[in-house]
Amino acid sequence: MVEREVFWKSLLSVGYVARRGLHLQREADINQPTLATVAANPGVNINAMRPYKGFGSIRRTDNVANSMYNSLQVAWNRRFNNGLQFGASYTLSKSMDNGSNQRDVVPDTYDISMLWGPSEFDARHIFVANYLYQLPFFHGRSGFVAKALGGWQISGITQFQTGLPCSIAGNSDYAGVGLDSNYGCGVNGQYWVKNGNPSYVKTFGPSGQWFATTNPDGTPIFTAPAAGTFNTQRVRNIIYQPGFSNWNMGLFKAFPVNERWGFQFRAEAFNVWNHPNWCGASGCSGTTNIGLDPTNAKTFGKVLTKGGGGSGSGERNLQLSLRAYF
């Protein structure tokens, strides 16, 4: 971490932060038959080929997942001086792992080599700014007009964040070994094969296209794995969903009655510009407003609906309050 005082009596901080995660929790079905066993016994009931006969899926939690996080973190802050205070921070980061959640159940118990990929919480760019500005009108003056119209302050918090990644999978047992997978985002199932580049189209609005689902020659970018196989490509969390942006602002003024008590008026606006976020305030964490089911041609790759704004809904929210302080 390096810090240095710069212009406007502010402090600039630049740091590099890294973290290595070992023995993270992840789950697997220890009663899953192998692909070789299923291939050698066509037509046989799957439960007769499981390692522990008489039981279905048996999930076991193991401390076997790993992660790697690297980031550049920049912060610029100024204490309140001459009517102005602000703070701004920017993080450029990359988080990779082979299991983001304790309840992640791997598709293939016997081969986890394809699981290494972006973490489900991998937000590459995050910018947050806060500010407080005292309006200069009638500053330092006395009299009724100055007391009524002066002393107003504006504050706000602004946030921009890129979206989080998710996977393309189908809810079918293509491998024939039993379907018992679980992901924090996307369709629970088995990963589809990637045959091209799902470039981002980013056509906003309801039913807008977010990423391409066909190649220039019209062939599908994603196809189901062949029967009796798992997709061994590293395609976990390859689709980054829409990001999040929000402006919250406030206008307030204190009306002191005496030295001990007074009133404060506040006017606050959440999502002040009424900006729609196509993936909600969480950046699509856990749920998604993007069609990620490759078996649904009508919604696959499309923006389905807008998500929430800064106060939990997609629309601008205004709030007026008057409080007494003492």
Protein backbone atom coordinates (compact mmCIF):
# COMPACT_ATOMS: atom_id res chain seq x y z
CA MET A 1 0.00 0.00 0.00
CA VAL A 2 1.31 3.43 -1.02
CA GLU A 3 -0.26 6.66 0.24
CA ARG A 4 0.50 10.22 -0.77
CA GLU A 5 -1.05 13.61 -0.08
CA VAL A 6 -2.02 15.34 -3.32
CA PHE A 7 -3.83 18.50 -4.40
CA TRP A 8 -7.08 19.74 -2.76
CA LYS A 9 -5.72 18.55 0.59
CA SER A 10 -6.64 15.01 -0.35
CA LEU A 11 -5.02 11.61 0.16
CA LEU A 12 -4.39 9.11 -2.63
CA SER A 13 -3.88 5.43 -1.78
CA VAL A 14 -2.85 2.69 -4.18
CA GLY A 15 -2.52 -0.92 -3.13
CA TYR A 16 -2.26 -4.47 -4.44
CA VAL A 17 -4.24 -7.14 -2.61
CA ALA A 18 -4.01 -10.87 -3.29
CA ARG A 19 -5.48 -13.89 -1.58
CA ARG A 20 -4.98 -17.61 -2.02
CA GLY A 21 -7.75 -19.90 -0.79
CA LEU A 22 -7.09 -23.55 0.02
CA HIS A 23 -9.30 -26.39 1.28
CA LEU A 24 -12.56 -24.58 0.50
CA GLN A 25 -15.80 -26.49 0.84
CA ARG A 26 -17.52 -28.10 -2.12
CA GLU A 27 -19.89 -31.03 -2.50
CA ALA A 28 -19.91 -34.15 -4.69
CA ASP A 29 -22.22 -37.10 -5.21
CA ILE A 30 -20.17 -40.03 -3.91
CA ASN A 31 -22.83 -42.46 -5.12
CA GLN A 32 -22.52 -41.48 -8.79
CA PRO A 33 -21.68 -44.34 -11.17
CA THR A 34 -18.73 -43.86 -13.50
CA LEU A 35 -19.15 -43.19 -17.21
CA ALA A 36 -17.34 -46.46 -17.97
CA THR A 37 -19.77 -48.46 -15.83
CA VAL A 38 -22.80 -46.94 -17.52
CA ALA A 39 -21.30 -47.48 -21.00
CA ALA A 40 -20.57 -51.14 -20.23
CA ASN A 41 -24.12 -51.80 -19.00
CA PRO A 42 -26.55 -50.28 -21.52
CA GLY A 43 -30.20 -50.43 -20.50
CA VAL A 44 -29.43 -51.29 -16.86
CA ASN A 45 -31.18 -49.24 -14.18
CA ILE A 46 -28.78 -46.57 -12.94
CA ASN A 47 -29.44 -47.40 -9.27
CA ALA A 48 -28.09 -50.92 -9.87
CA MET A 49 -24.74 -49.43 -10.95
CA ARG A 50 -24.19 -47.04 -8.08
CA PRO A 51 -21.29 -47.71 -5.65
CA TYR A 52 -23.70 -47.88 -2.70
CA LYS A 53 -26.66 -49.90 -3.95
CA GLY A 54 -30.02 -49.18 -2.45
CA PHE A 55 -29.33 -45.47 -2.22
CA GLY A 56 -29.73 -42.63 -4.66
CA SER A 57 -27.54 -39.55 -4.67
CA ILE A 58 -25.32 -39.14 -1.58
CA ARG A 59 -23.77 -35.69 -1.24
CA ARG A 60 -20.53 -35.34 0.70
CA THR A 61 -18.91 -32.06 1.62
CA ASP A 62 -15.15 -31.98 1.06
CA ASN A 63 -12.56 -29.29 1.74
CA VAL A 64 -10.97 -29.59 -1.68
CA ALA A 65 -11.73 -26.38 -3.61
CA ASN A 66 -9.14 -23.65 -4.27
CA SER A 67 -9.29 -19.98 -5.21
CA MET A 68 -7.03 -17.13 -6.32
CA TYR A 69 -7.82 -13.42 -5.99
CA ASN A 70 -5.76 -10.50 -7.31
CA SER A 71 -6.74 -6.84 -7.24
CA LEU A 72 -5.55 -3.28 -7.72
CA GLN A 73 -7.26 -0.95 -5.23
CA VAL A 74 -7.19 2.83 -5.56
CA ALA A 75 -8.78 5.29 -3.11
CA TRP A 76 -8.91 9.10 -3.18
CA ASN A 77 -10.30 10.86 -0.09
CA ARG A 78 -10.63 14.42 1.13
CA ARG A 79 -11.77 15.48 4.58
CA PHE A 80 -14.37 18.21 4.90
CA ASN A 81 -12.66 21.50 4.06
CA ASN A 82 -13.99 24.70 2.52
CA GLY A 83 -17.42 23.15 2.14
CA LEU A 84 -16.33 20.01 0.28
CA GLN A 85 -15.74 16.40 1.28
CA PHE A 86 -15.45 13.39 -1.00
CA GLY A 87 -14.20 9.85 -1.25
CA ALA A 88 -13.76 7.67 -4.31
CA SER A 89 -12.53 4.11 -4.64
CA TYR A 90 -11.88 1.88 -7.63
CA THR A 91 -11.08 -1.83 -7.60
CA LEU A 92 -9.82 -3.80 -10.57
CA SER A 93 -9.88 -7.45 -9.58
CA LYS A 94 -9.99 -11.02 -10.79
CA SER A 95 -11.19 -13.95 -8.71
CA MET A 96 -10.81 -17.55 -9.93
CA ASP A 97 -11.78 -20.80 -8.23
CA ASN A 98 -13.18 -24.28 -8.74
CA GLY A 99 -16.01 -23.93 -6.23
CA SER A 100 -17.56 -20.64 -5.15
CA ASN A 101 -20.13 -21.91 -2.66
CA GLN A 102 -20.21 -24.59 0.00
CA ARG A 103 -23.33 -26.06 -1.66
CA ASP A 104 -21.78 -26.27 -5.13
CA VAL A 105 -22.21 -29.88 -6.31
CA VAL A 106 -19.86 -30.86 -9.13
CA PRO A 107 -21.40 -32.46 -12.26
CA ASP A 108 -18.76 -35.22 -12.59
CA THR A 109 -17.60 -36.61 -9.27
CA TYR A 110 -14.53 -38.24 -10.84
CA ASP A 111 -13.23 -35.35 -12.96
CA ILE A 112 -13.15 -31.79 -11.67
CA SER A 113 -10.45 -30.52 -14.06
CA MET A 114 -12.96 -28.43 -16.03
CA LEU A 115 -14.25 -26.52 -12.98
CA TRP A 116 -11.48 -23.90 -12.76
CA GLY A 117 -12.95 -20.57 -13.86
CA PRO A 118 -14.19 -17.16 -12.70
CA SER A 119 -15.76 -17.07 -9.26
CA GLU A 120 -19.49 -16.44 -9.15
CA PHE A 121 -18.72 -13.19 -7.29
CA ASP A 122 -16.04 -12.05 -9.76
CA ALA A 123 -16.86 -8.35 -10.30
CA ARG A 124 -13.94 -7.12 -12.41
CA HIS A 125 -14.59 -3.39 -12.00
CA ILE A 126 -16.13 -1.62 -8.98
CA PHE A 127 -16.27 2.16 -8.53
CA VAL A 128 -17.90 3.87 -5.54
CA ALA A 129 -17.92 7.60 -4.78
CA ASN A 130 -19.41 9.61 -1.92
CA TYR A 131 -19.50 13.37 -1.55
CA LEU A 132 -20.77 16.22 0.61
CA TYR A 133 -20.90 19.78 -0.68
CA GLN A 134 -22.06 22.87 1.18
CA LEU A 135 -23.77 25.26 -1.22
CA PRO A 136 -22.03 28.65 -1.17
CA PHE A 137 -25.20 30.78 -1.24
CA PHE A 138 -25.45 33.22 1.71
CA HIS A 139 -22.54 31.47 3.37
CA GLY A 140 -21.35 33.38 6.45
CA ARG A 141 -24.13 35.96 6.30
CA SER A 142 -26.61 36.84 9.00
CA GLY A 143 -30.25 37.78 8.78
CA PHE A 144 -33.49 35.94 8.17
CA VAL A 145 -33.04 35.46 4.42
CA ALA A 146 -29.51 34.10 4.85
CA LYS A 147 -30.64 31.71 7.57
CA ALA A 148 -33.58 30.50 5.47
CA LEU A 149 -31.81 30.12 2.13
CA GLY A 150 -28.22 29.47 3.21
CA GLY A 151 -26.60 26.44 4.78
CA TRP A 152 -27.96 23.85 2.36
CA GLN A 153 -25.81 20.80 1.71
CA ILE A 154 -25.84 18.17 -1.05
CA SER A 155 -24.66 14.61 -0.44
CA GLY A 156 -24.65 11.47 -2.48
CA ILE A 157 -23.34 8.00 -3.17
CA THR A 158 -22.62 6.77 -6.68
CA GLN A 159 -21.78 3.18 -7.60
CA PHE A 160 -20.80 1.45 -10.84
CA GLN A 161 -20.07 -2.27 -11.00
CA THR A 162 -19.63 -4.77 -13.81
CA GLY A 163 -21.76 -7.90 -13.81
CA LEU A 164 -21.07 -11.29 -12.29
CA PRO A 165 -20.48 -14.49 -14.27
CA CYS A 166 -22.77 -17.44 -14.78
CA SER A 167 -22.75 -20.77 -16.63
CA ILE A 168 -24.58 -22.30 -19.58
CA ALA A 169 -25.99 -25.68 -18.61
CA GLY A 170 -28.98 -27.87 -19.40
CA ASN A 171 -31.19 -29.56 -16.85
CA SER A 172 -30.83 -33.02 -18.41
CA ASP A 173 -28.75 -36.10 -17.59
CA TYR A 174 -26.76 -36.23 -20.83
CA ALA A 175 -24.04 -38.38 -19.24
CA GLY A 176 -26.55 -40.92 -17.94
CA VAL A 177 -25.06 -41.08 -14.45
CA GLY A 178 -27.83 -39.28 -12.57
CA LEU A 179 -28.47 -35.57 -12.34
CA ASP A 180 -27.45 -34.08 -9.00
CA SER A 181 -25.57 -30.83 -9.61
CA ASN A 182 -26.06 -27.46 -7.97
CA TYR A 183 -24.80 -23.98 -8.87
CA GLY A 184 -25.28 -20.62 -7.25
CA CYS A 185 -26.25 -19.09 -10.60
CA GLY A 186 -27.81 -20.51 -13.73
CA VAL A 187 -29.54 -23.78 -14.60
CA ASN A 188 -28.63 -26.74 -12.39
CA GLY A 189 -27.48 -29.49 -14.73
CA GLN A 190 -24.56 -30.38 -16.99
CA TYR A 191 -22.44 -27.86 -18.91
CA TRP A 192 -23.07 -27.43 -22.62
CA VAL A 193 -20.28 -27.52 -25.22
CA LYS A 194 -19.04 -24.18 -26.58
CA ASN A 195 -18.49 -24.08 -30.34
CA GLY A 196 -17.69 -20.41 -30.88
CA ASN A 197 -17.48 -17.03 -29.19
CA PRO A 198 -20.59 -15.86 -27.32
CA SER A 199 -19.79 -12.21 -27.96
CA TYR A 200 -21.77 -9.61 -26.09
CA VAL A 201 -24.48 -7.94 -28.17
CA LYS A 202 -25.74 -5.81 -25.26
CA THR A 203 -29.05 -4.70 -26.71
CA PHE A 204 -30.78 -3.24 -23.68
CA GLY A 205 -34.46 -3.17 -22.91
CA PRO A 206 -36.92 -5.96 -22.14
CA SER A 207 -36.34 -8.86 -24.56
CA GLY A 208 -33.07 -7.30 -25.69
CA GLN A 209 -30.24 -9.63 -26.67
CA TRP A 210 -27.35 -9.72 -24.19
CA PHE A 211 -24.97 -12.24 -25.79
CA ALA A 212 -24.80 -14.03 -29.13
CA THR A 213 -26.13 -17.58 -29.29
CA THR A 214 -25.21 -18.35 -32.92
CA ASN A 215 -22.02 -18.05 -34.95
CA PRO A 216 -21.80 -15.82 -38.06
CA ASP A 217 -22.62 -18.86 -40.21
CA GLY A 218 -25.79 -19.53 -38.21
CA THR A 219 -24.57 -22.58 -36.30
CA PRO A 220 -25.32 -22.66 -32.56
CA ILE A 221 -22.53 -21.55 -30.24
CA PHE A 222 -23.69 -23.91 -27.49
CA THR A 223 -24.67 -27.55 -28.04
CA ALA A 224 -25.56 -30.32 -25.65
CA PRO A 225 -22.77 -32.80 -24.80
CA ALA A 226 -22.91 -36.13 -26.58
CA ALA A 227 -24.90 -38.86 -24.86
CA GLY A 228 -22.82 -40.72 -22.30
CA THR A 229 -20.30 -37.89 -21.87
CA PHE A 230 -19.60 -34.78 -19.82
CA ASN A 231 -18.37 -31.57 -21.39
CA THR A 232 -14.68 -31.36 -20.45
CA GLN A 233 -14.20 -27.76 -21.66
CA ARG A 234 -13.55 -25.07 -19.08
CA VAL A 235 -16.85 -23.29 -19.62
CA ARG A 236 -17.84 -22.68 -16.02
CA ASN A 237 -18.98 -19.06 -15.49
CA ILE A 238 -18.07 -17.85 -18.99
CA ILE A 239 -21.04 -15.47 -19.40
CA TYR A 240 -20.75 -12.12 -17.63
CA GLN A 241 -24.14 -10.60 -16.94
CA PRO A 242 -25.15 -6.92 -16.98
CA GLY A 243 -23.62 -4.71 -14.35
CA PHE A 244 -25.09 -2.27 -11.86
CA SER A 245 -25.10 1.50 -11.63
CA ASN A 246 -26.89 3.75 -9.19
CA TRP A 247 -27.02 7.34 -7.94
CA ASN A 248 -28.43 8.22 -4.52
CA MET A 249 -28.53 11.92 -3.64
CA GLY A 250 -29.74 14.05 -0.76
CA LEU A 251 -30.38 17.73 -0.02
CA PHE A 252 -30.55 18.76 3.61
CA LYS A 253 -30.39 21.77 5.91
CA ALA A 254 -30.31 22.32 9.65
CA PHE A 255 -32.55 24.91 11.34
CA PRO A 256 -31.09 25.47 14.82
CA VAL A 257 -33.46 26.89 17.40
CA ASN A 258 -30.74 27.44 19.96
CA GLU A 259 -27.37 25.91 20.82
CA ARG A 260 -28.93 22.75 22.19
CA TRP A 261 -31.64 21.70 19.75
CA GLY A 262 -33.14 22.33 16.35
CA PHE A 263 -34.60 20.72 13.24
CA GLN A 264 -33.13 19.18 10.12
CA PHE A 265 -34.94 18.88 6.80
CA ARG A 266 -33.86 16.17 4.36
CA ALA A 267 -34.90 15.48 0.77
CA GLU A 268 -33.47 12.19 -0.51
CA ALA A 269 -33.67 10.50 -3.90
CA PHE A 270 -32.75 6.87 -4.50
CA ASN A 271 -31.90 5.97 -8.09
CA VAL A 272 -32.24 9.68 -8.77
CA TRP A 273 -31.85 9.39 -12.58
CA ASN A 274 -34.44 6.58 -12.74
CA HIS A 275 -31.88 4.33 -14.42
CA PRO A 276 -32.97 0.70 -15.00
CA ASN A 277 -30.56 -2.02 -13.94
CA TRP A 278 -31.00 -5.09 -16.09
CA CYS A 279 -29.65 -7.41 -13.45
CA GLY A 280 -30.70 -5.84 -10.18
CA ALA A 281 -28.79 -4.34 -7.30
CA SER A 282 -26.79 -7.53 -6.75
CA GLY A 283 -25.31 -7.69 -10.25
CA CYS A 284 -27.24 -10.94 -10.82
CA SER A 285 -25.73 -12.70 -7.83
CA GLY A 286 -27.69 -15.89 -7.14
CA THR A 287 -30.48 -15.08 -9.59
CA THR A 288 -30.49 -13.72 -13.09
CA ASN A 289 -32.65 -11.67 -15.42
CA ILE A 290 -30.78 -13.10 -18.42
CA GLY A 291 -31.97 -16.21 -20.25
CA LEU A 292 -29.29 -18.85 -19.55
CA ASP A 293 -31.30 -21.98 -20.39
CA PRO A 294 -30.02 -23.17 -23.80
CA THR A 295 -33.07 -25.39 -24.25
CA ASN A 296 -35.39 -22.35 -24.32
CA ALA A 297 -34.83 -20.70 -27.70
CA LYS A 298 -37.22 -17.85 -26.95
CA THR A 299 -35.28 -16.53 -23.94
CA PHE A 300 -31.74 -17.87 -24.36
CA GLY A 301 -29.22 -15.01 -24.33
CA LYS A 302 -31.89 -12.33 -23.91
CA VAL A 303 -32.57 -9.69 -21.29
CA LEU A 304 -35.81 -10.83 -19.67
CA THR A 305 -36.67 -7.90 -17.42
CA LYS A 306 -35.09 -5.09 -15.49
CA GLY A 307 -34.01 -5.57 -11.91
CA GLY A 308 -34.04 -3.41 -8.81
CA GLY A 309 -32.56 0.01 -8.23
CA GLY A 310 -30.73 1.39 -5.23
CA SER A 311 -33.70 1.16 -2.87
CA GLY A 312 -34.81 -2.29 -3.96
CA SER A 313 -37.06 -1.32 -6.89
CA GLY A 314 -36.33 -0.25 -10.41
CA GLU A 315 -37.94 3.19 -10.19
CA ARG A 316 -36.80 6.46 -8.66
CA ASN A 317 -37.81 6.85 -5.01
CA LEU A 318 -38.14 10.19 -3.24
CA GLN A 319 -38.23 10.70 0.50
CA LEU A 320 -38.84 13.85 2.57
CA SER A 321 -38.25 14.00 6.30
CA LEU A 322 -38.04 16.49 9.14
CA ARG A 323 -36.37 15.46 12.36
CA ALA A 324 -35.63 17.17 15.63
CA TYR A 325 -32.17 16.94 17.11
CA PHE A 326 -30.98 17.85 20.60
